[in-house]
Amino acid sequence: MESKKNVMVIFGTRPEAIKLAPVLKELEKSTSMKPVSVATAQHRGLMDQVLDFFNIQPDFDLNLMKPNQDLFYTMTECLNRIKDLIAEVQPSLLVVQGDTTTAFTAALAAFYHKTPVAHVEAGLRTYYKYSPFPEEMNRRLISPLAELHFAPTKAAKSNLLREGISENSISVTGNTSIDALLLGCTQKLHPPRNLILSEEAPLIILTLHRRENFGAPLTEIFSAIKKFAIKYSHVQIVYPVHPNPNVKETAHSLLKNIPNISLIEPVDYKEMLYLMKRSQFILTDSGGIQEEAPSLGKPVLVLRESTERAEAVEAGCAYLVGHHSELIFRMMETLLDKTSQFYLNMSSAKNPFGDGTASQKIINRIEHFFRGVERNKLPWAA
């Protein structure tokens, strides 16, 4: 009997763990492939919460996170450690997700080993080199290194085609974040500990962590939220504060003494799902929440100048407000009225990122790849 092919699935951050959890679950069902899960722990605690929620125990844990780590440390450490791991495991395929330093570095290490790479959530683009930073360049650099490209939408596929990626190597699958969301919502959810939520008060959720918002943009965003909270004191705003000092110090200096704003510790995935389901609308600079919230019928105000998830804006699920204080305040006021046509349109818009079957499509395509179907048609097969 032919032995199973090792498929190495590598992740380092909470979003990667969320979006690769359903892929790992599907891989475990395969009769021809064996998943080998690797955690770089680029983000330690936030990632571990997700692994616990989905009952995933990594086969290898590189435990790279250290205080005040920078991009240079993360990349060089990842590259050396993954290099050795690929040599040890000899995977037939390496799977990366998204646009993190872990994903790019793992793809580069696999390329050096001449190991095929599959890229989950391929083709997202803003075409602004520094927005988001460093994610935009990470994902653009992964594309020429990968053999299989799992694009979440047709627009993402079009981006790849424009860059010269072979159409035979691209599959439009939907986004695995929806798979994870639907899987997570089957479990019993609960609010964060020590957080008291009013049954009557409208609930607004805020998440904010991207580097391009550090400094003056953060101050503008928080000023709008402070103004809104003071004017609408009956509204409850919950902000799980990202641990990065650039975010945490600014948040606490501007928002900590406002009674209806709850600045809480980062929440686990189960708690975040609960908060999203309870919320009236969400403010975020997170890519994952832009994908997930439409499946829950929650309007999203995107706190970024550009988004690689333009489909959400085009579908009417999300609205781009950037860091412009007056615009943020005005749009929050508009969404506070659940009977307004604007709110009704946003909350009922169809999610453009899939129906929860992305992971199954990904595994099916990988099986075809291994069986050699189409392989001789592909430019790297020589």
Protein backbone atom coordinates (compact mmCIF):
# COMPACT_ATOMS: atom_id res chain seq x y z
CA MET A 1 0.00 0.00 0.00
CA GLU A 2 1.39 3.41 -0.98
CA SER A 3 2.32 5.57 2.00
CA LYS A 4 0.52 8.85 2.59
CA LYS A 5 2.12 12.04 1.31
CA ASN A 6 3.21 14.50 3.97
CA VAL A 7 1.47 17.86 3.57
CA MET A 8 3.06 20.49 5.82
CA VAL A 9 0.63 23.18 6.97
CA ILE A 10 2.37 26.15 8.57
CA PHE A 11 0.96 29.09 10.55
CA GLY A 12 2.22 31.69 12.98
CA THR A 13 -0.61 34.09 13.83
CA ARG A 14 -4.18 33.91 15.04
CA PRO A 15 -5.76 34.67 11.63
CA GLU A 16 -3.65 31.98 9.96
CA ALA A 17 -4.63 29.44 12.62
CA ILE A 18 -8.32 30.31 12.21
CA LYS A 19 -8.23 30.01 8.42
CA LEU A 20 -6.11 26.86 8.31
CA ALA A 21 -7.98 24.99 11.07
CA PRO A 22 -10.76 23.79 8.69
CA VAL A 23 -8.11 22.86 6.09
CA LEU A 24 -6.36 20.70 8.67
CA LYS A 25 -9.68 19.12 9.65
CA GLU A 26 -10.34 18.20 6.01
CA LEU A 27 -6.79 16.90 5.57
CA GLU A 28 -7.26 14.57 8.53
CA LYS A 29 -10.05 12.83 6.59
CA SER A 30 -7.81 12.13 3.59
CA THR A 31 -6.76 8.56 2.84
CA SER A 32 -3.83 9.68 0.67
CA MET A 33 -2.36 12.60 2.62
CA LYS A 34 -0.99 13.10 6.11
CA PRO A 35 -1.12 16.61 7.64
CA VAL A 36 2.02 17.83 9.39
CA SER A 37 1.10 20.99 11.30
CA VAL A 38 3.76 23.55 12.20
CA ALA A 39 3.31 26.58 14.45
CA THR A 40 5.98 29.26 14.23
CA ALA A 41 4.23 31.18 17.04
CA GLN A 42 4.98 34.52 15.42
CA HIS A 43 2.12 35.54 17.75
CA ARG A 44 2.08 33.21 20.74
CA GLY A 45 -0.94 33.68 22.99
CA LEU A 46 -3.40 34.86 20.36
CA MET A 47 -2.60 31.85 18.16
CA ASP A 48 -2.76 29.33 21.01
CA GLN A 49 -6.33 30.37 21.86
CA VAL A 50 -7.46 29.38 18.38
CA LEU A 51 -5.63 26.04 18.44
CA ASP A 52 -7.33 25.20 21.74
CA PHE A 53 -10.74 26.15 20.35
CA PHE A 54 -10.36 23.90 17.30
CA ASN A 55 -8.56 21.16 19.28
CA ILE A 56 -5.38 21.31 17.19
CA GLN A 57 -2.06 20.20 18.62
CA PRO A 58 0.81 21.22 16.30
CA ASP A 59 3.24 18.48 15.34
CA PHE A 60 6.05 21.04 15.56
CA ASP A 61 6.14 24.29 17.53
CA LEU A 62 9.01 26.63 16.69
CA ASN A 63 8.08 29.05 19.51
CA LEU A 64 9.70 32.04 17.83
CA MET A 65 7.93 34.91 19.58
CA LYS A 66 10.02 37.11 21.84
CA PRO A 67 9.47 40.58 23.41
CA ASN A 68 9.83 43.50 21.00
CA GLN A 69 10.49 41.26 18.01
CA ASP A 70 10.81 43.02 14.67
CA LEU A 71 10.39 41.91 11.07
CA PHE A 72 14.10 41.19 10.64
CA TYR A 73 14.15 38.82 13.61
CA THR A 74 10.92 37.07 12.63
CA MET A 75 12.00 36.49 9.05
CA THR A 76 15.56 35.29 9.70
CA GLU A 77 14.54 32.98 12.55
CA CYS A 78 11.61 31.58 10.55
CA LEU A 79 13.75 30.97 7.50
CA ASN A 80 16.44 29.04 9.34
CA ARG A 81 14.08 26.98 11.46
CA ILE A 82 11.74 26.11 8.59
CA LYS A 83 14.71 25.23 6.39
CA ASP A 84 15.74 22.53 8.88
CA LEU A 85 12.17 21.32 9.36
CA ILE A 86 11.52 20.84 5.65
CA ALA A 87 14.78 18.88 5.40
CA GLU A 88 13.64 16.66 8.29
CA VAL A 89 10.00 16.06 7.26
CA GLN A 90 10.47 16.02 3.47
CA PRO A 91 6.91 17.18 2.73
CA SER A 92 5.42 16.64 -0.72
CA LEU A 93 3.66 20.01 -0.42
CA LEU A 94 3.81 23.00 1.92
CA VAL A 95 0.62 24.98 2.60
CA VAL A 96 0.73 28.62 3.64
CA GLN A 97 -2.10 31.06 4.23
CA GLY A 98 -2.46 34.75 3.58
CA ASP A 99 0.18 37.39 3.89
CA THR A 100 2.13 37.10 7.12
CA THR A 101 5.90 37.01 7.55
CA THR A 102 5.50 33.34 8.46
CA ALA A 103 3.69 32.63 5.17
CA PHE A 104 6.21 34.42 2.96
CA THR A 105 9.24 32.99 4.76
CA ALA A 106 7.87 29.44 4.66
CA ALA A 107 7.16 29.76 0.94
CA LEU A 108 10.70 31.01 0.35
CA ALA A 109 12.22 28.17 2.38
CA ALA A 110 10.13 25.64 0.44
CA PHE A 111 11.27 27.19 -2.85
CA TYR A 112 14.91 26.81 -1.79
CA HIS A 113 14.16 23.12 -1.08
CA LYS A 114 12.28 22.78 -4.41
CA THR A 115 9.18 21.77 -2.43
CA PRO A 116 5.84 22.75 -4.04
CA VAL A 117 3.87 25.47 -2.27
CA ALA A 118 0.08 25.89 -2.03
CA HIS A 119 -1.15 29.37 -1.15
CA VAL A 120 -4.50 29.64 0.62
CA GLU A 121 -6.17 33.05 0.18
CA ALA A 122 -4.09 33.93 -2.87
CA GLY A 123 -4.53 36.98 -5.06
CA LEU A 124 -5.59 39.64 -2.56
CA ARG A 125 -4.16 43.02 -3.52
CA THR A 126 -4.36 46.72 -2.72
CA TYR A 127 -1.43 47.51 -5.06
CA TYR A 128 -0.09 49.95 -2.46
CA LYS A 129 3.30 48.66 -1.35
CA TYR A 130 3.01 49.93 2.22
CA SER A 131 -0.71 49.40 2.79
CA PRO A 132 -1.04 47.09 4.55
CA PHE A 133 2.59 46.82 5.64
CA PRO A 134 4.30 44.37 5.31
CA GLU A 135 1.38 42.16 4.26
CA GLU A 136 0.88 43.59 0.77
CA MET A 137 4.41 42.72 -0.32
CA ASN A 138 4.37 39.38 1.53
CA ARG A 139 1.40 38.10 -0.46
CA ARG A 140 2.70 39.49 -3.75
CA LEU A 141 6.05 37.76 -3.20
CA ILE A 142 4.41 34.42 -2.33
CA SER A 143 2.55 34.23 -5.65
CA PRO A 144 5.53 33.55 -7.97
CA LEU A 145 6.82 30.97 -5.47
CA ALA A 146 3.60 28.93 -5.31
CA GLU A 147 2.42 26.04 -7.51
CA LEU A 148 -1.20 26.08 -6.34
CA HIS A 149 -3.16 29.29 -5.78
CA PHE A 150 -6.45 29.10 -3.86
CA ALA A 151 -8.17 32.40 -4.64
CA PRO A 152 -11.13 33.27 -2.42
CA THR A 153 -12.96 35.21 -5.15
CA LYS A 154 -13.02 35.76 -8.91
CA ALA A 155 -11.50 39.20 -8.37
CA ALA A 156 -8.54 37.61 -6.58
CA LYS A 157 -8.13 35.21 -9.50
CA SER A 158 -8.13 38.14 -11.92
CA ASN A 159 -5.33 39.79 -9.95
CA LEU A 160 -3.22 36.66 -10.27
CA LEU A 161 -3.90 36.33 -14.00
CA ARG A 162 -2.83 39.95 -14.56
CA GLU A 163 0.46 39.10 -12.87
CA GLY A 164 1.13 36.20 -15.20
CA ILE A 165 0.13 33.33 -12.92
CA SER A 166 -1.01 30.28 -14.94
CA GLU A 167 -4.78 29.86 -14.94
CA ASN A 168 -4.32 26.08 -14.56
CA SER A 169 -2.78 26.67 -11.15
CA ILE A 170 -5.60 28.86 -9.78
CA SER A 171 -8.76 27.59 -8.07
CA VAL A 172 -11.54 29.89 -6.85
CA THR A 173 -12.60 28.33 -3.55
CA GLY A 174 -14.17 30.96 -1.34
CA ASN A 175 -12.43 31.92 1.89
CA THR A 176 -11.70 29.38 4.61
CA SER A 177 -12.58 32.01 7.23
CA ILE A 178 -16.24 31.29 6.46
CA ASP A 179 -15.62 27.56 6.99
CA ALA A 180 -14.05 28.37 10.36
CA LEU A 181 -16.87 30.74 11.30
CA LEU A 182 -19.61 28.21 10.56
CA LEU A 183 -17.65 25.50 12.38
CA GLY A 184 -17.10 27.78 15.36
CA CYS A 185 -20.74 28.85 15.59
CA THR A 186 -21.80 25.22 16.13
CA GLN A 187 -20.11 25.38 19.53
CA LYS A 188 -21.43 27.04 22.66
CA LEU A 189 -20.24 30.63 22.72
CA HIS A 190 -19.83 32.94 25.71
CA PRO A 191 -18.81 36.55 26.39
CA PRO A 192 -15.33 37.45 27.66
CA ARG A 193 -14.90 36.93 31.39
CA ASN A 194 -15.47 39.99 33.59
CA LEU A 195 -17.28 41.81 30.79
CA ILE A 196 -20.84 42.80 31.67
CA LEU A 197 -23.01 43.38 28.60
CA SER A 198 -26.31 45.20 28.77
CA GLU A 199 -29.27 43.44 27.20
CA GLU A 200 -30.76 46.75 26.07
CA ALA A 201 -27.76 48.82 24.97
CA PRO A 202 -26.64 48.70 21.34
CA LEU A 203 -23.26 46.97 21.20
CA ILE A 204 -20.45 48.17 18.94
CA ILE A 205 -17.23 46.16 18.53
CA LEU A 206 -13.88 47.74 17.70
CA THR A 207 -10.70 45.95 16.62
CA LEU A 208 -7.59 47.84 15.55
CA HIS A 209 -3.99 46.71 15.17
CA ARG A 210 -2.38 47.42 11.77
CA ARG A 211 0.98 49.15 11.56
CA GLU A 212 -0.16 51.73 9.02
CA ASN A 213 -2.60 53.07 11.64
CA PHE A 214 0.08 53.66 14.28
CA GLY A 215 0.61 57.26 15.35
CA ALA A 216 -1.63 60.06 14.04
CA PRO A 217 -4.20 57.76 12.35
CA LEU A 218 -4.84 55.96 15.65
CA THR A 219 -5.35 59.28 17.39
CA GLU A 220 -7.89 60.37 14.77
CA ILE A 221 -9.79 57.08 14.97
CA PHE A 222 -9.91 57.10 18.76
CA SER A 223 -11.00 60.76 18.77
CA ALA A 224 -14.03 59.88 16.64
CA ILE A 225 -14.93 56.96 18.89
CA LYS A 226 -14.51 59.08 22.02
CA LYS A 227 -16.77 61.80 20.58
CA PHE A 228 -19.38 59.21 19.63
CA ALA A 229 -19.28 57.49 23.04
CA ILE A 230 -19.74 60.77 24.89
CA LYS A 231 -22.66 61.86 22.70
CA TYR A 232 -24.37 58.45 22.77
CA SER A 233 -23.78 57.36 26.33
CA HIS A 234 -26.42 54.61 26.11
CA VAL A 235 -24.29 52.71 23.56
CA GLN A 236 -21.77 50.11 24.74
CA ILE A 237 -18.45 49.96 22.86
CA VAL A 238 -16.14 46.98 23.46
CA TYR A 239 -12.54 47.11 22.33
CA PRO A 240 -10.27 44.07 22.82
CA VAL A 241 -7.00 46.01 22.82
CA HIS A 242 -4.15 44.56 20.80
CA PRO A 243 -1.04 44.00 22.97
CA ASN A 244 1.30 45.98 20.68
CA PRO A 245 2.50 48.97 22.79
CA ASN A 246 1.90 51.35 19.87
CA VAL A 247 -1.80 50.49 20.06
CA LYS A 248 -2.24 49.81 23.76
CA GLU A 249 -0.68 53.01 25.08
CA THR A 250 -2.63 55.26 22.71
CA ALA A 251 -5.92 53.46 23.40
CA HIS A 252 -5.59 53.73 27.16
CA SER A 253 -4.47 57.36 27.06
CA LEU A 254 -7.50 58.44 25.01
CA LEU A 255 -10.32 56.03 25.89
CA LYS A 256 -9.80 54.52 29.34
CA ASN A 257 -11.94 56.92 31.41
CA ILE A 258 -15.07 56.81 29.26
CA PRO A 259 -17.78 54.79 31.10
CA ASN A 260 -19.42 53.18 28.06
CA ILE A 261 -16.14 52.07 26.45
CA SER A 262 -14.79 48.74 27.69
CA LEU A 263 -11.06 48.32 27.02
CA ILE A 264 -10.48 44.61 27.57
CA GLU A 265 -7.67 42.13 27.07
CA PRO A 266 -7.47 40.32 23.71
CA VAL A 267 -10.28 37.77 23.44
CA ASP A 268 -10.16 34.23 22.18
CA TYR A 269 -11.92 33.17 18.99
CA LYS A 270 -14.98 31.82 20.80
CA GLU A 271 -15.44 35.10 22.66
CA MET A 272 -14.94 37.13 19.49
CA LEU A 273 -17.62 35.13 17.71
CA TYR A 274 -19.97 35.83 20.61
CA LEU A 275 -19.24 39.57 20.51
CA MET A 276 -19.71 39.74 16.74
CA LYS A 277 -23.04 37.92 16.92
CA ARG A 278 -24.26 40.27 19.68
CA SER A 279 -23.04 43.46 18.01
CA GLN A 280 -25.03 46.01 15.99
CA PHE A 281 -22.03 46.85 13.83
CA ILE A 282 -18.24 46.54 13.85
CA LEU A 283 -15.33 48.91 13.31
CA THR A 284 -12.13 47.18 12.27
CA ASP A 285 -8.89 47.24 10.32
CA SER A 286 -8.85 43.42 10.33
CA GLY A 287 -9.12 41.56 7.06
CA GLY A 288 -10.69 38.48 8.66
CA ILE A 289 -13.56 40.39 10.21
CA GLN A 290 -14.37 41.97 6.84
CA GLU A 291 -14.89 38.40 5.60
CA GLU A 292 -16.72 36.98 8.61
CA ALA A 293 -19.13 39.75 9.62
CA PRO A 294 -21.33 39.59 6.48
CA SER A 295 -22.18 35.95 7.28
CA LEU A 296 -23.54 37.20 10.60
CA GLY A 297 -25.41 40.13 9.05
CA LYS A 298 -23.17 42.73 10.71
CA PRO A 299 -22.20 45.95 8.88
CA VAL A 300 -18.49 46.77 8.94
CA LEU A 301 -16.76 50.14 8.93
CA VAL A 302 -13.24 49.54 7.63
CA LEU A 303 -10.63 51.68 9.40
CA ARG A 304 -8.18 51.64 6.49
CA GLU A 305 -7.43 53.81 3.49
CA SER A 306 -7.59 50.82 1.14
CA THR A 307 -8.64 47.20 1.38
CA GLU A 308 -7.62 44.08 -0.49
CA ARG A 309 -11.13 42.79 0.20
CA ALA A 310 -12.85 45.22 -2.15
CA GLU A 311 -15.58 42.63 -2.80
CA ALA A 312 -17.07 43.42 0.63
CA VAL A 313 -17.28 47.12 -0.21
CA GLU A 314 -18.71 46.39 -3.66
CA ALA A 315 -21.30 43.99 -2.20
CA GLY A 316 -22.36 46.63 0.34
CA CYS A 317 -21.28 44.62 3.42
CA ALA A 318 -18.50 47.05 4.34
CA TYR A 319 -17.80 50.77 4.08
CA LEU A 320 -14.30 52.24 3.86
CA VAL A 321 -13.86 55.10 6.36
CA GLY A 322 -10.07 55.13 6.77
CA HIS A 323 -8.83 57.16 9.73
CA HIS A 324 -10.91 60.27 8.98
CA SER A 325 -12.44 61.32 12.27
CA GLU A 326 -15.53 63.14 10.98
CA LEU A 327 -16.38 60.40 8.47
CA ILE A 328 -16.03 57.69 11.12
CA PHE A 329 -18.29 59.61 13.50
CA ARG A 330 -20.91 60.28 10.81
CA MET A 331 -21.04 56.66 9.65
CA MET A 332 -21.30 55.40 13.24
CA GLU A 333 -24.29 57.70 13.72
CA THR A 334 -25.89 56.37 10.53
CA LEU A 335 -25.48 52.72 11.58
CA LEU A 336 -26.85 53.39 15.04
CA ASP A 337 -30.32 53.50 13.45
CA LYS A 338 -31.17 49.86 12.66
CA THR A 339 -34.27 50.94 10.77
CA SER A 340 -32.36 53.13 8.29
CA GLN A 341 -32.17 51.91 4.71
CA PHE A 342 -28.38 52.13 4.87
CA TYR A 343 -28.24 49.76 7.84
CA LEU A 344 -30.79 47.38 6.33
CA ASN A 345 -28.87 47.23 3.05
CA MET A 346 -25.52 46.54 4.73
CA SER A 347 -26.84 43.94 7.15
CA SER A 348 -28.68 41.99 4.44
CA ALA A 349 -25.95 42.04 1.77
CA LYS A 350 -24.76 38.62 0.60
CA ASN A 351 -21.32 37.55 1.76
CA PRO A 352 -19.06 37.53 -1.33
CA PHE A 353 -16.40 35.37 0.33
CA GLY A 354 -18.02 31.96 0.10
CA ASP A 355 -20.42 29.45 1.55
CA GLY A 356 -18.26 27.40 3.93
CA THR A 357 -16.96 24.77 1.48
CA ALA A 358 -13.57 26.32 0.68
CA SER A 359 -11.51 23.79 2.65
CA GLN A 360 -13.15 20.85 0.92
CA LYS A 361 -12.44 22.40 -2.49
CA ILE A 362 -8.81 23.01 -1.49
CA ILE A 363 -8.24 19.41 -0.43
CA ASN A 364 -9.90 18.08 -3.58
CA ARG A 365 -7.61 20.22 -5.72
CA ILE A 366 -4.50 19.08 -3.84
CA GLU A 367 -5.51 15.45 -4.35
CA HIS A 368 -5.79 16.12 -8.10
CA PHE A 369 -2.37 17.74 -8.02
CA PHE A 370 -0.83 14.65 -6.45
CA ARG A 371 -2.58 12.29 -8.81
CA GLY A 372 -0.94 14.12 -11.68
CA VAL A 373 -4.18 15.40 -13.19
CA GLU A 374 -3.24 18.52 -15.20
CA ARG A 375 0.32 18.39 -13.90
CA ASN A 376 1.95 17.91 -17.28
CA LYS A 377 0.14 21.03 -18.49
CA LEU A 378 1.76 23.26 -15.89
CA PRO A 379 4.86 25.32 -16.64
CA TRP A 380 6.89 24.16 -13.61
CA ALA A 381 6.39 20.42 -14.21
CA ALA A 382 9.41 19.94 -16.46
